[in-house]
Amino acid sequence: VDVTMPGRPVDAGRLHVITQTTRDILRAF
């Protein structure tokens, strides 16, 4: 393996849209 080569991109997980919205609501209060 050529360690100088860039690695393959890894798809990062993300928060569900309802979780995002819930956190925004809780932050506001």
mmCIF file of all heavy atoms, coordinates in Angstrom:
data_MODEL
# 
_entry.id   MODEL 
# 
loop_
_atom_site.group_PDB 
_atom_site.id 
_atom_site.type_symbol 
_atom_site.label_atom_id 
_atom_site.label_alt_id 
_atom_site.label_comp_id 
_atom_site.label_asym_id 
_atom_site.label_entity_id 
_atom_site.label_seq_id 
_atom_site.pdbx_PDB_ins_code 
_atom_site.Cartn_x 
_atom_site.Cartn_y 
_atom_site.Cartn_z 
_atom_site.occupancy 
_atom_site.B_iso_or_equiv 
_atom_site.pdbx_formal_charge 
_atom_site.auth_seq_id 
_atom_site.auth_comp_id 
_atom_site.auth_asym_id 
_atom_site.auth_atom_id 
_atom_site.pdbx_PDB_model_num 
ATOM 1   N N   . VAL A 1 1  ? 0.856   -1.183 0.000  1.00 0.00 ? 1  VAL A N   1 
ATOM 2   C CA  . VAL A 1 1  ? 0.000   0.000  0.000  1.00 0.00 ? 1  VAL A CA  1 
ATOM 3   C C   . VAL A 1 1  ? 0.889   1.229  0.000  1.00 0.00 ? 1  VAL A C   1 
ATOM 4   O O   . VAL A 1 1  ? 1.798   1.357  0.830  1.00 0.00 ? 1  VAL A O   1 
ATOM 5   C CB  . VAL A 1 1  ? -0.925  0.015  1.235  1.00 0.00 ? 1  VAL A CB  1 
ATOM 6   C CG1 . VAL A 1 1  ? -1.732  1.295  1.282  1.00 0.00 ? 1  VAL A CG1 1 
ATOM 7   C CG2 . VAL A 1 1  ? -1.835  -1.200 1.230  1.00 0.00 ? 1  VAL A CG2 1 
ATOM 8   N N   . ASP A 1 2  ? 0.607   2.105  -0.927 1.00 0.00 ? 2  ASP A N   1 
ATOM 9   C CA  . ASP A 1 2  ? 1.347   3.360  -0.973 1.00 0.00 ? 2  ASP A CA  1 
ATOM 10  C C   . ASP A 1 2  ? 0.739   4.306  0.053  1.00 0.00 ? 2  ASP A C   1 
ATOM 11  O O   . ASP A 1 2  ? -0.337  4.869  -0.157 1.00 0.00 ? 2  ASP A O   1 
ATOM 12  C CB  . ASP A 1 2  ? 1.268   3.956  -2.390 1.00 0.00 ? 2  ASP A CB  1 
ATOM 13  C CG  . ASP A 1 2  ? 2.102   5.225  -2.515 1.00 0.00 ? 2  ASP A CG  1 
ATOM 14  O OD1 . ASP A 1 2  ? 2.664   5.672  -1.488 1.00 0.00 ? 2  ASP A OD1 1 
ATOM 15  O OD2 . ASP A 1 2  ? 2.182   5.776  -3.631 1.00 0.00 ? 2  ASP A OD2 1 
ATOM 16  N N   . VAL A 1 3  ? 1.420   4.450  1.186  1.00 0.00 ? 3  VAL A N   1 
ATOM 17  C CA  . VAL A 1 3  ? 0.869   5.264  2.269  1.00 0.00 ? 3  VAL A CA  1 
ATOM 18  C C   . VAL A 1 3  ? 0.852   6.743  1.927  1.00 0.00 ? 3  VAL A C   1 
ATOM 19  O O   . VAL A 1 3  ? 0.261   7.549  2.653  1.00 0.00 ? 3  VAL A O   1 
ATOM 20  C CB  . VAL A 1 3  ? 1.662   5.029  3.569  1.00 0.00 ? 3  VAL A CB  1 
ATOM 21  C CG1 . VAL A 1 3  ? 1.501   3.600  4.041  1.00 0.00 ? 3  VAL A CG1 1 
ATOM 22  C CG2 . VAL A 1 3  ? 3.130   5.387  3.391  1.00 0.00 ? 3  VAL A CG2 1 
ATOM 23  N N   . THR A 1 4  ? 1.497   7.125  0.849  1.00 0.00 ? 4  THR A N   1 
ATOM 24  C CA  . THR A 1 4  ? 1.484   8.533  0.460  1.00 0.00 ? 4  THR A CA  1 
ATOM 25  C C   . THR A 1 4  ? 0.252   8.883  -0.358 1.00 0.00 ? 4  THR A C   1 
ATOM 26  O O   . THR A 1 4  ? -0.043  10.056 -0.570 1.00 0.00 ? 4  THR A O   1 
ATOM 27  C CB  . THR A 1 4  ? 2.745   8.880  -0.350 1.00 0.00 ? 4  THR A CB  1 
ATOM 28  O OG1 . THR A 1 4  ? 2.732   8.147  -1.590 1.00 0.00 ? 4  THR A OG1 1 
ATOM 29  C CG2 . THR A 1 4  ? 4.008   8.530  0.421  1.00 0.00 ? 4  THR A CG2 1 
ATOM 30  N N   . MET A 1 5  ? -0.493  7.844  -0.826 1.00 0.00 ? 5  MET A N   1 
ATOM 31  C CA  . MET A 1 5  ? -1.703  8.106  -1.599 1.00 0.00 ? 5  MET A CA  1 
ATOM 32  C C   . MET A 1 5  ? -2.837  8.509  -0.667 1.00 0.00 ? 5  MET A C   1 
ATOM 33  O O   . MET A 1 5  ? -2.923  8.028  0.465  1.00 0.00 ? 5  MET A O   1 
ATOM 34  C CB  . MET A 1 5  ? -2.122  6.863  -2.389 1.00 0.00 ? 5  MET A CB  1 
ATOM 35  C CG  . MET A 1 5  ? -1.168  6.466  -3.497 1.00 0.00 ? 5  MET A CG  1 
ATOM 36  S SD  . MET A 1 5  ? -1.748  4.986  -4.355 1.00 0.00 ? 5  MET A SD  1 
ATOM 37  C CE  . MET A 1 5  ? -3.285  5.571  -5.044 1.00 0.00 ? 5  MET A CE  1 
ATOM 38  N N   . PRO A 1 6  ? -3.708  9.392  -1.116 1.00 0.00 ? 6  PRO A N   1 
ATOM 39  C CA  . PRO A 1 6  ? -4.866  9.761  -0.286 1.00 0.00 ? 6  PRO A CA  1 
ATOM 40  C C   . PRO A 1 6  ? -5.798  8.571  -0.113 1.00 0.00 ? 6  PRO A C   1 
ATOM 41  O O   . PRO A 1 6  ? -5.967  7.761  -1.034 1.00 0.00 ? 6  PRO A O   1 
ATOM 42  C CB  . PRO A 1 6  ? -5.533  10.893 -1.083 1.00 0.00 ? 6  PRO A CB  1 
ATOM 43  C CG  . PRO A 1 6  ? -5.081  10.682 -2.492 1.00 0.00 ? 6  PRO A CG  1 
ATOM 44  C CD  . PRO A 1 6  ? -3.687  10.117 -2.413 1.00 0.00 ? 6  PRO A CD  1 
ATOM 45  N N   . GLY A 1 7  ? -6.410  8.432  1.083  1.00 0.00 ? 7  GLY A N   1 
ATOM 46  C CA  . GLY A 1 7  ? -7.316  7.326  1.329  1.00 0.00 ? 7  GLY A CA  1 
ATOM 47  C C   . GLY A 1 7  ? -8.652  7.510  0.645  1.00 0.00 ? 7  GLY A C   1 
ATOM 48  O O   . GLY A 1 7  ? -9.005  8.597  0.184  1.00 0.00 ? 7  GLY A O   1 
ATOM 49  N N   . ARG A 1 8  ? -9.378  6.411  0.560  1.00 0.00 ? 8  ARG A N   1 
ATOM 50  C CA  . ARG A 1 8  ? -10.725 6.479  -0.009 1.00 0.00 ? 8  ARG A CA  1 
ATOM 51  C C   . ARG A 1 8  ? -11.629 7.258  0.945  1.00 0.00 ? 8  ARG A C   1 
ATOM 52  O O   . ARG A 1 8  ? -11.557 7.068  2.158  1.00 0.00 ? 8  ARG A O   1 
ATOM 53  C CB  . ARG A 1 8  ? -11.290 5.084  -0.236 1.00 0.00 ? 8  ARG A CB  1 
ATOM 54  C CG  . ARG A 1 8  ? -10.546 4.272  -1.295 1.00 0.00 ? 8  ARG A CG  1 
ATOM 55  C CD  . ARG A 1 8  ? -11.323 3.001  -1.609 1.00 0.00 ? 8  ARG A CD  1 
ATOM 56  N NE  . ARG A 1 8  ? -10.642 2.199  -2.621 1.00 0.00 ? 8  ARG A NE  1 
ATOM 57  C CZ  . ARG A 1 8  ? -9.843  1.178  -2.354 1.00 0.00 ? 8  ARG A CZ  1 
ATOM 58  N NH1 . ARG A 1 8  ? -9.610  0.853  -1.088 1.00 0.00 ? 8  ARG A NH1 1 
ATOM 59  N NH2 . ARG A 1 8  ? -9.269  0.487  -3.318 1.00 0.00 ? 8  ARG A NH2 1 
ATOM 60  N N   . PRO A 1 9  ? -12.486 8.114  0.429  1.00 0.00 ? 9  PRO A N   1 
ATOM 61  C CA  . PRO A 1 9  ? -13.374 8.875  1.324  1.00 0.00 ? 9  PRO A CA  1 
ATOM 62  C C   . PRO A 1 9  ? -14.355 7.959  2.040  1.00 0.00 ? 9  PRO A C   1 
ATOM 63  O O   . PRO A 1 9  ? -14.874 7.004  1.455  1.00 0.00 ? 9  PRO A O   1 
ATOM 64  C CB  . PRO A 1 9  ? -14.101 9.834  0.367  1.00 0.00 ? 9  PRO A CB  1 
ATOM 65  C CG  . PRO A 1 9  ? -14.011 9.174  -0.976 1.00 0.00 ? 9  PRO A CG  1 
ATOM 66  C CD  . PRO A 1 9  ? -12.699 8.439  -0.992 1.00 0.00 ? 9  PRO A CD  1 
ATOM 67  N N   . VAL A 1 10 ? -14.593 8.225  3.299  1.00 0.00 ? 10 VAL A N   1 
ATOM 68  C CA  . VAL A 1 10 ? -15.527 7.450  4.111  1.00 0.00 ? 10 VAL A CA  1 
ATOM 69  C C   . VAL A 1 10 ? -16.795 8.276  4.300  1.00 0.00 ? 10 VAL A C   1 
ATOM 70  O O   . VAL A 1 10 ? -16.740 9.425  4.736  1.00 0.00 ? 10 VAL A O   1 
ATOM 71  C CB  . VAL A 1 10 ? -14.913 7.105  5.482  1.00 0.00 ? 10 VAL A CB  1 
ATOM 72  C CG1 . VAL A 1 10 ? -15.920 6.354  6.340  1.00 0.00 ? 10 VAL A CG1 1 
ATOM 73  C CG2 . VAL A 1 10 ? -13.641 6.289  5.304  1.00 0.00 ? 10 VAL A CG2 1 
ATOM 74  N N   . ASP A 1 11 ? -17.921 7.687  3.956  1.00 0.00 ? 11 ASP A N   1 
ATOM 75  C CA  . ASP A 1 11 ? -19.195 8.381  4.129  1.00 0.00 ? 11 ASP A CA  1 
ATOM 76  C C   . ASP A 1 11 ? -19.486 8.533  5.619  1.00 0.00 ? 11 ASP A C   1 
ATOM 77  O O   . ASP A 1 11 ? -19.577 7.536  6.354  1.00 0.00 ? 11 ASP A O   1 
ATOM 78  C CB  . ASP A 1 11 ? -20.332 7.607  3.451  1.00 0.00 ? 11 ASP A CB  1 
ATOM 79  C CG  . ASP A 1 11 ? -20.221 7.643  1.933  1.00 0.00 ? 11 ASP A CG  1 
ATOM 80  O OD1 . ASP A 1 11 ? -19.592 8.586  1.430  1.00 0.00 ? 11 ASP A OD1 1 
ATOM 81  O OD2 . ASP A 1 11 ? -20.733 6.723  1.268  1.00 0.00 ? 11 ASP A OD2 1 
ATOM 82  N N   . ALA A 1 12 ? -19.605 9.746  6.067  1.00 0.00 ? 12 ALA A N   1 
ATOM 83  C CA  . ALA A 1 12 ? -19.896 10.011 7.479  1.00 0.00 ? 12 ALA A CA  1 
ATOM 84  C C   . ALA A 1 12 ? -21.395 9.920  7.736  1.00 0.00 ? 12 ALA A C   1 
ATOM 85  O O   . ALA A 1 12 ? -22.207 10.276 6.881  1.00 0.00 ? 12 ALA A O   1 
ATOM 86  C CB  . ALA A 1 12 ? -19.382 11.393 7.864  1.00 0.00 ? 12 ALA A CB  1 
ATOM 87  N N   . GLY A 1 13 ? -21.744 9.412  8.900  1.00 0.00 ? 13 GLY A N   1 
ATOM 88  C CA  . GLY A 1 13 ? -23.153 9.399  9.276  1.00 0.00 ? 13 GLY A CA  1 
ATOM 89  C C   . GLY A 1 13 ? -23.630 10.805 9.613  1.00 0.00 ? 13 GLY A C   1 
ATOM 90  O O   . GLY A 1 13 ? -22.831 11.731 9.756  1.00 0.00 ? 13 GLY A O   1 
ATOM 91  N N   . ARG A 1 14 ? -24.914 10.949 9.729  1.00 0.00 ? 14 ARG A N   1 
ATOM 92  C CA  . ARG A 1 14 ? -25.465 12.265 10.052 1.00 0.00 ? 14 ARG A CA  1 
ATOM 93  C C   . ARG A 1 14 ? -26.723 12.086 10.896 1.00 0.00 ? 14 ARG A C   1 
ATOM 94  O O   . ARG A 1 14 ? -27.299 10.996 10.942 1.00 0.00 ? 14 ARG A O   1 
ATOM 95  C CB  . ARG A 1 14 ? -25.771 13.039 8.774  1.00 0.00 ? 14 ARG A CB  1 
ATOM 96  C CG  . ARG A 1 14 ? -26.884 12.424 7.912  1.00 0.00 ? 14 ARG A CG  1 
ATOM 97  C CD  . ARG A 1 14 ? -26.932 13.080 6.553  1.00 0.00 ? 14 ARG A CD  1 
ATOM 98  N NE  . ARG A 1 14 ? -25.791 12.691 5.743  1.00 0.00 ? 14 ARG A NE  1 
ATOM 99  C CZ  . ARG A 1 14 ? -25.442 13.317 4.619  1.00 0.00 ? 14 ARG A CZ  1 
ATOM 100 N NH1 . ARG A 1 14 ? -26.112 14.363 4.212  1.00 0.00 ? 14 ARG A NH1 1 
ATOM 101 N NH2 . ARG A 1 14 ? -24.407 12.892 3.910  1.00 0.00 ? 14 ARG A NH2 1 
ATOM 102 N N   . LEU A 1 15 ? -27.108 13.136 11.545 1.00 0.00 ? 15 LEU A N   1 
ATOM 103 C CA  . LEU A 1 15 ? -28.304 13.086 12.381 1.00 0.00 ? 15 LEU A CA  1 
ATOM 104 C C   . LEU A 1 15 ? -29.557 13.089 11.520 1.00 0.00 ? 15 LEU A C   1 
ATOM 105 O O   . LEU A 1 15 ? -29.628 13.769 10.497 1.00 0.00 ? 15 LEU A O   1 
ATOM 106 C CB  . LEU A 1 15 ? -28.333 14.293 13.329 1.00 0.00 ? 15 LEU A CB  1 
ATOM 107 C CG  . LEU A 1 15 ? -27.222 14.354 14.383 1.00 0.00 ? 15 LEU A CG  1 
ATOM 108 C CD1 . LEU A 1 15 ? -27.327 15.655 15.163 1.00 0.00 ? 15 LEU A CD1 1 
ATOM 109 C CD2 . LEU A 1 15 ? -27.297 13.165 15.318 1.00 0.00 ? 15 LEU A CD2 1 
ATOM 110 N N   . HIS A 1 16 ? -30.546 12.315 11.949 1.00 0.00 ? 16 HIS A N   1 
ATOM 111 C CA  . HIS A 1 16 ? -31.845 12.308 11.276 1.00 0.00 ? 16 HIS A CA  1 
ATOM 112 C C   . HIS A 1 16 ? -32.449 13.705 11.358 1.00 0.00 ? 16 HIS A C   1 
ATOM 113 O O   . HIS A 1 16 ? -32.221 14.459 12.317 1.00 0.00 ? 16 HIS A O   1 
ATOM 114 C CB  . HIS A 1 16 ? -32.755 11.292 11.964 1.00 0.00 ? 16 HIS A CB  1 
ATOM 115 C CG  . HIS A 1 16 ? -34.003 10.973 11.204 1.00 0.00 ? 16 HIS A CG  1 
ATOM 116 N ND1 . HIS A 1 16 ? -35.104 11.788 11.241 1.00 0.00 ? 16 HIS A ND1 1 
ATOM 117 C CD2 . HIS A 1 16 ? -34.319 9.941  10.391 1.00 0.00 ? 16 HIS A CD2 1 
ATOM 118 C CE1 . HIS A 1 16 ? -36.062 11.257 10.499 1.00 0.00 ? 16 HIS A CE1 1 
ATOM 119 N NE2 . HIS A 1 16 ? -35.607 10.127 9.972  1.00 0.00 ? 16 HIS A NE2 1 
ATOM 120 N N   . VAL A 1 17 ? -33.213 14.074 10.337 1.00 0.00 ? 17 VAL A N   1 
ATOM 121 C CA  . VAL A 1 17 ? -33.786 15.418 10.279 1.00 0.00 ? 17 VAL A CA  1 
ATOM 122 C C   . VAL A 1 17 ? -34.668 15.709 11.497 1.00 0.00 ? 17 VAL A C   1 
ATOM 123 O O   . VAL A 1 17 ? -34.701 16.843 11.992 1.00 0.00 ? 17 VAL A O   1 
ATOM 124 C CB  . VAL A 1 17 ? -34.577 15.613 8.964  1.00 0.00 ? 17 VAL A CB  1 
ATOM 125 C CG1 . VAL A 1 17 ? -35.688 14.589 8.815  1.00 0.00 ? 17 VAL A CG1 1 
ATOM 126 C CG2 . VAL A 1 17 ? -35.130 17.022 8.880  1.00 0.00 ? 17 VAL A CG2 1 
ATOM 127 N N   . ILE A 1 18 ? -35.365 14.688 12.035 1.00 0.00 ? 18 ILE A N   1 
ATOM 128 C CA  . ILE A 1 18 ? -36.185 14.907 13.224 1.00 0.00 ? 18 ILE A CA  1 
ATOM 129 C C   . ILE A 1 18 ? -35.297 15.147 14.442 1.00 0.00 ? 18 ILE A C   1 
ATOM 130 O O   . ILE A 1 18 ? -35.604 15.985 15.297 1.00 0.00 ? 18 ILE A O   1 
ATOM 131 C CB  . ILE A 1 18 ? -37.131 13.723 13.465 1.00 0.00 ? 18 ILE A CB  1 
ATOM 132 C CG1 . ILE A 1 18 ? -38.117 13.590 12.293 1.00 0.00 ? 18 ILE A CG1 1 
ATOM 133 C CG2 . ILE A 1 18 ? -37.915 13.913 14.766 1.00 0.00 ? 18 ILE A CG2 1 
ATOM 134 C CD1 . ILE A 1 18 ? -38.920 14.842 12.009 1.00 0.00 ? 18 ILE A CD1 1 
ATOM 135 N N   . THR A 1 19 ? -34.189 14.444 14.523 1.00 0.00 ? 19 THR A N   1 
ATOM 136 C CA  . THR A 1 19 ? -33.246 14.679 15.620 1.00 0.00 ? 19 THR A CA  1 
ATOM 137 C C   . THR A 1 19 ? -32.673 16.094 15.530 1.00 0.00 ? 19 THR A C   1 
ATOM 138 O O   . THR A 1 19 ? -32.544 16.795 16.541 1.00 0.00 ? 19 THR A O   1 
ATOM 139 C CB  . THR A 1 19 ? -32.119 13.647 15.584 1.00 0.00 ? 19 THR A CB  1 
ATOM 140 O OG1 . THR A 1 19 ? -32.672 12.334 15.673 1.00 0.00 ? 19 THR A OG1 1 
ATOM 141 C CG2 . THR A 1 19 ? -31.154 13.851 16.748 1.00 0.00 ? 19 THR A CG2 1 
ATOM 142 N N   . GLN A 1 20 ? -32.324 16.513 14.322 1.00 0.00 ? 20 GLN A N   1 
ATOM 143 C CA  . GLN A 1 20 ? -31.814 17.874 14.142 1.00 0.00 ? 20 GLN A CA  1 
ATOM 144 C C   . GLN A 1 20 ? -32.849 18.904 14.597 1.00 0.00 ? 20 GLN A C   1 
ATOM 145 O O   . GLN A 1 20 ? -32.524 19.865 15.320 1.00 0.00 ? 20 GLN A O   1 
ATOM 146 C CB  . GLN A 1 20 ? -31.465 18.111 12.669 1.00 0.00 ? 20 GLN A CB  1 
ATOM 147 C CG  . GLN A 1 20 ? -30.344 17.252 12.129 1.00 0.00 ? 20 GLN A CG  1 
ATOM 148 C CD  . GLN A 1 20 ? -30.100 17.519 10.656 1.00 0.00 ? 20 GLN A CD  1 
ATOM 149 O OE1 . GLN A 1 20 ? -30.236 18.640 10.183 1.00 0.00 ? 20 GLN A OE1 1 
ATOM 150 N NE2 . GLN A 1 20 ? -29.750 16.485 9.918  1.00 0.00 ? 20 GLN A NE2 1 
ATOM 151 N N   . THR A 1 21 ? -34.091 18.714 14.166 1.00 0.00 ? 21 THR A N   1 
ATOM 152 C CA  . THR A 1 21 ? -35.153 19.657 14.515 1.00 0.00 ? 21 THR A CA  1 
ATOM 153 C C   . THR A 1 21 ? -35.408 19.665 16.020 1.00 0.00 ? 21 THR A C   1 
ATOM 154 O O   . THR A 1 21 ? -35.573 20.733 16.632 1.00 0.00 ? 21 THR A O   1 
ATOM 155 C CB  . THR A 1 21 ? -36.451 19.290 13.770 1.00 0.00 ? 21 THR A CB  1 
ATOM 156 O OG1 . THR A 1 21 ? -36.198 19.273 12.358 1.00 0.00 ? 21 THR A OG1 1 
ATOM 157 C CG2 . THR A 1 21 ? -37.552 20.284 14.071 1.00 0.00 ? 21 THR A CG2 1 
ATOM 158 N N   . THR A 1 22 ? -35.424 18.469 16.622 1.00 0.00 ? 22 THR A N   1 
ATOM 159 C CA  . THR A 1 22 ? -35.634 18.377 18.068 1.00 0.00 ? 22 THR A CA  1 
ATOM 160 C C   . THR A 1 22 ? -34.540 19.123 18.821 1.00 0.00 ? 22 THR A C   1 
ATOM 161 O O   . THR A 1 22 ? -34.808 19.861 19.781 1.00 0.00 ? 22 THR A O   1 
ATOM 162 C CB  . THR A 1 22 ? -35.665 16.902 18.503 1.00 0.00 ? 22 THR A CB  1 
ATOM 163 O OG1 . THR A 1 22 ? -36.770 16.247 17.871 1.00 0.00 ? 22 THR A OG1 1 
ATOM 164 C CG2 . THR A 1 22 ? -35.806 16.777 20.008 1.00 0.00 ? 22 THR A CG2 1 
ATOM 165 N N   . ARG A 1 23 ? -33.305 18.965 18.391 1.00 0.00 ? 23 ARG A N   1 
ATOM 166 C CA  . ARG A 1 23 ? -32.200 19.660 19.068 1.00 0.00 ? 23 ARG A CA  1 
ATOM 167 C C   . ARG A 1 23 ? -32.327 21.177 18.911 1.00 0.00 ? 23 ARG A C   1 
ATOM 168 O O   . ARG A 1 23 ? -32.022 21.921 19.855 1.00 0.00 ? 23 ARG A O   1 
ATOM 169 C CB  . ARG A 1 23 ? -30.863 19.168 18.507 1.00 0.00 ? 23 ARG A CB  1 
ATOM 170 C CG  . ARG A 1 23 ? -30.541 17.726 18.896 1.00 0.00 ? 23 ARG A CG  1 
ATOM 171 C CD  . ARG A 1 23 ? -29.119 17.349 18.532 1.00 0.00 ? 23 ARG A CD  1 
ATOM 172 N NE  . ARG A 1 23 ? -28.798 16.015 19.001 1.00 0.00 ? 23 ARG A NE  1 
ATOM 173 C CZ  . ARG A 1 23 ? -27.577 15.482 18.948 1.00 0.00 ? 23 ARG A CZ  1 
ATOM 174 N NH1 . ARG A 1 23 ? -26.570 16.173 18.434 1.00 0.00 ? 23 ARG A NH1 1 
ATOM 175 N NH2 . ARG A 1 23 ? -27.357 14.254 19.400 1.00 0.00 ? 23 ARG A NH2 1 
ATOM 176 N N   . ASP A 1 24 ? -32.760 21.621 17.756 1.00 0.00 ? 24 ASP A N   1 
ATOM 177 C CA  . ASP A 1 24 ? -32.944 23.069 17.570 1.00 0.00 ? 24 ASP A CA  1 
ATOM 178 C C   . ASP A 1 24 ? -34.029 23.599 18.507 1.00 0.00 ? 24 ASP A C   1 
ATOM 179 O O   . ASP A 1 24 ? -33.896 24.692 19.085 1.00 0.00 ? 24 ASP A O   1 
ATOM 180 C CB  . ASP A 1 24 ? -33.316 23.370 16.119 1.00 0.00 ? 24 ASP A CB  1 
ATOM 181 C CG  . ASP A 1 24 ? -32.153 23.135 15.158 1.00 0.00 ? 24 ASP A CG  1 
ATOM 182 O OD1 . ASP A 1 24 ? -30.998 23.080 15.626 1.00 0.00 ? 24 ASP A OD1 1 
ATOM 183 O OD2 . ASP A 1 24 ? -32.405 23.011 13.940 1.00 0.00 ? 24 ASP A OD2 1 
ATOM 184 N N   . ILE A 1 25 ? -35.117 22.836 18.646 1.00 0.00 ? 25 ILE A N   1 
ATOM 185 C CA  . ILE A 1 25 ? -36.214 23.261 19.525 1.00 0.00 ? 25 ILE A CA  1 
ATOM 186 C C   . ILE A 1 25 ? -35.745 23.299 20.980 1.00 0.00 ? 25 ILE A C   1 
ATOM 187 O O   . ILE A 1 25 ? -35.987 24.269 21.704 1.00 0.00 ? 25 ILE A O   1 
ATOM 188 C CB  . ILE A 1 25 ? -37.418 22.311 19.367 1.00 0.00 ? 25 ILE A CB  1 
ATOM 189 C CG1 . ILE A 1 25 ? -38.012 22.437 17.953 1.00 0.00 ? 25 ILE A CG1 1 
ATOM 190 C CG2 . ILE A 1 25 ? -38.480 22.600 20.425 1.00 0.00 ? 25 ILE A CG2 1 
ATOM 191 C CD1 . ILE A 1 25 ? -39.064 21.388 17.629 1.00 0.00 ? 25 ILE A CD1 1 
ATOM 192 N N   . LEU A 1 26 ? -35.056 22.246 21.402 1.00 0.00 ? 26 LEU A N   1 
ATOM 193 C CA  . LEU A 1 26 ? -34.580 22.201 22.782 1.00 0.00 ? 26 LEU A CA  1 
ATOM 194 C C   . LEU A 1 26 ? -33.588 23.323 23.058 1.00 0.00 ? 26 LEU A C   1 
ATOM 195 O O   . LEU A 1 26 ? -33.601 23.927 24.136 1.00 0.00 ? 26 LEU A O   1 
ATOM 196 C CB  . LEU A 1 26 ? -33.933 20.841 23.070 1.00 0.00 ? 26 LEU A CB  1 
ATOM 197 C CG  . LEU A 1 26 ? -34.851 19.618 22.971 1.00 0.00 ? 26 LEU A CG  1 
ATOM 198 C CD1 . LEU A 1 26 ? -34.082 18.357 23.348 1.00 0.00 ? 26 LEU A CD1 1 
ATOM 199 C CD2 . LEU A 1 26 ? -36.071 19.766 23.856 1.00 0.00 ? 26 LEU A CD2 1 
ATOM 200 N N   . ARG A 1 27 ? -32.746 23.617 22.082 1.00 0.00 ? 27 ARG A N   1 
ATOM 201 C CA  . ARG A 1 27 ? -31.765 24.694 22.263 1.00 0.00 ? 27 ARG A CA  1 
ATOM 202 C C   . ARG A 1 27 ? -32.474 26.033 22.460 1.00 0.00 ? 27 ARG A C   1 
ATOM 203 O O   . ARG A 1 27 ? -32.070 26.849 23.297 1.00 0.00 ? 27 ARG A O   1 
ATOM 204 C CB  . ARG A 1 27 ? -30.835 24.746 21.050 1.00 0.00 ? 27 ARG A CB  1 
ATOM 205 C CG  . ARG A 1 27 ? -29.663 25.725 21.217 1.00 0.00 ? 27 ARG A CG  1 
ATOM 206 C CD  . ARG A 1 27 ? -28.770 25.729 19.989 1.00 0.00 ? 27 ARG A CD  1 
ATOM 207 N NE  . ARG A 1 27 ? -28.260 24.394 19.726 1.00 0.00 ? 27 ARG A NE  1 
ATOM 208 C CZ  . ARG A 1 27 ? -28.602 23.643 18.678 1.00 0.00 ? 27 ARG A CZ  1 
ATOM 209 N NH1 . ARG A 1 27 ? -29.473 24.113 17.791 1.00 0.00 ? 27 ARG A NH1 1 
ATOM 210 N NH2 . ARG A 1 27 ? -28.103 22.445 18.508 1.00 0.00 ? 27 ARG A NH2 1 
ATOM 211 N N   . ALA A 1 28 ? -33.544 26.262 21.680 1.00 0.00 ? 28 ALA A N   1 
ATOM 212 C CA  . ALA A 1 28 ? -34.275 27.522 21.792 1.00 0.00 ? 28 ALA A CA  1 
ATOM 213 C C   . ALA A 1 28 ? -34.859 27.696 23.194 1.00 0.00 ? 28 ALA A C   1 
ATOM 214 O O   . ALA A 1 28 ? -34.813 28.782 23.772 1.00 0.00 ? 28 ALA A O   1 
ATOM 215 C CB  . ALA A 1 28 ? -35.383 27.577 20.736 1.00 0.00 ? 28 ALA A CB  1 
ATOM 216 N N   . PHE A 1 29 ? -35.395 26.615 23.772 1.00 0.00 ? 29 PHE A N   1 
ATOM 217 C CA  . PHE A 1 29 ? -35.996 26.729 25.101 1.00 0.00 ? 29 PHE A CA  1 
ATOM 218 C C   . PHE A 1 29 ? -34.939 26.717 26.209 1.00 0.00 ? 29 PHE A C   1 
ATOM 219 O O   . PHE A 1 29 ? -35.127 27.361 27.251 1.00 0.00 ? 29 PHE A O   1 
ATOM 220 C CB  . PHE A 1 29 ? -37.016 25.620 25.315 1.00 0.00 ? 29 PHE A CB  1 
ATOM 221 C CG  . PHE A 1 29 ? -38.320 25.880 24.615 1.00 0.00 ? 29 PHE A CG  1 
ATOM 222 C CD1 . PHE A 1 29 ? -38.688 25.159 23.487 1.00 0.00 ? 29 PHE A CD1 1 
ATOM 223 C CD2 . PHE A 1 29 ? -39.178 26.860 25.080 1.00 0.00 ? 29 PHE A CD2 1 
ATOM 224 C CE1 . PHE A 1 29 ? -39.876 25.412 22.843 1.00 0.00 ? 29 PHE A CE1 1 
ATOM 225 C CE2 . PHE A 1 29 ? -40.381 27.117 24.436 1.00 0.00 ? 29 PHE A CE2 1 
ATOM 226 C CZ  . PHE A 1 29 ? -40.723 26.406 23.304 1.00 0.00 ? 29 PHE A CZ  1 
# 
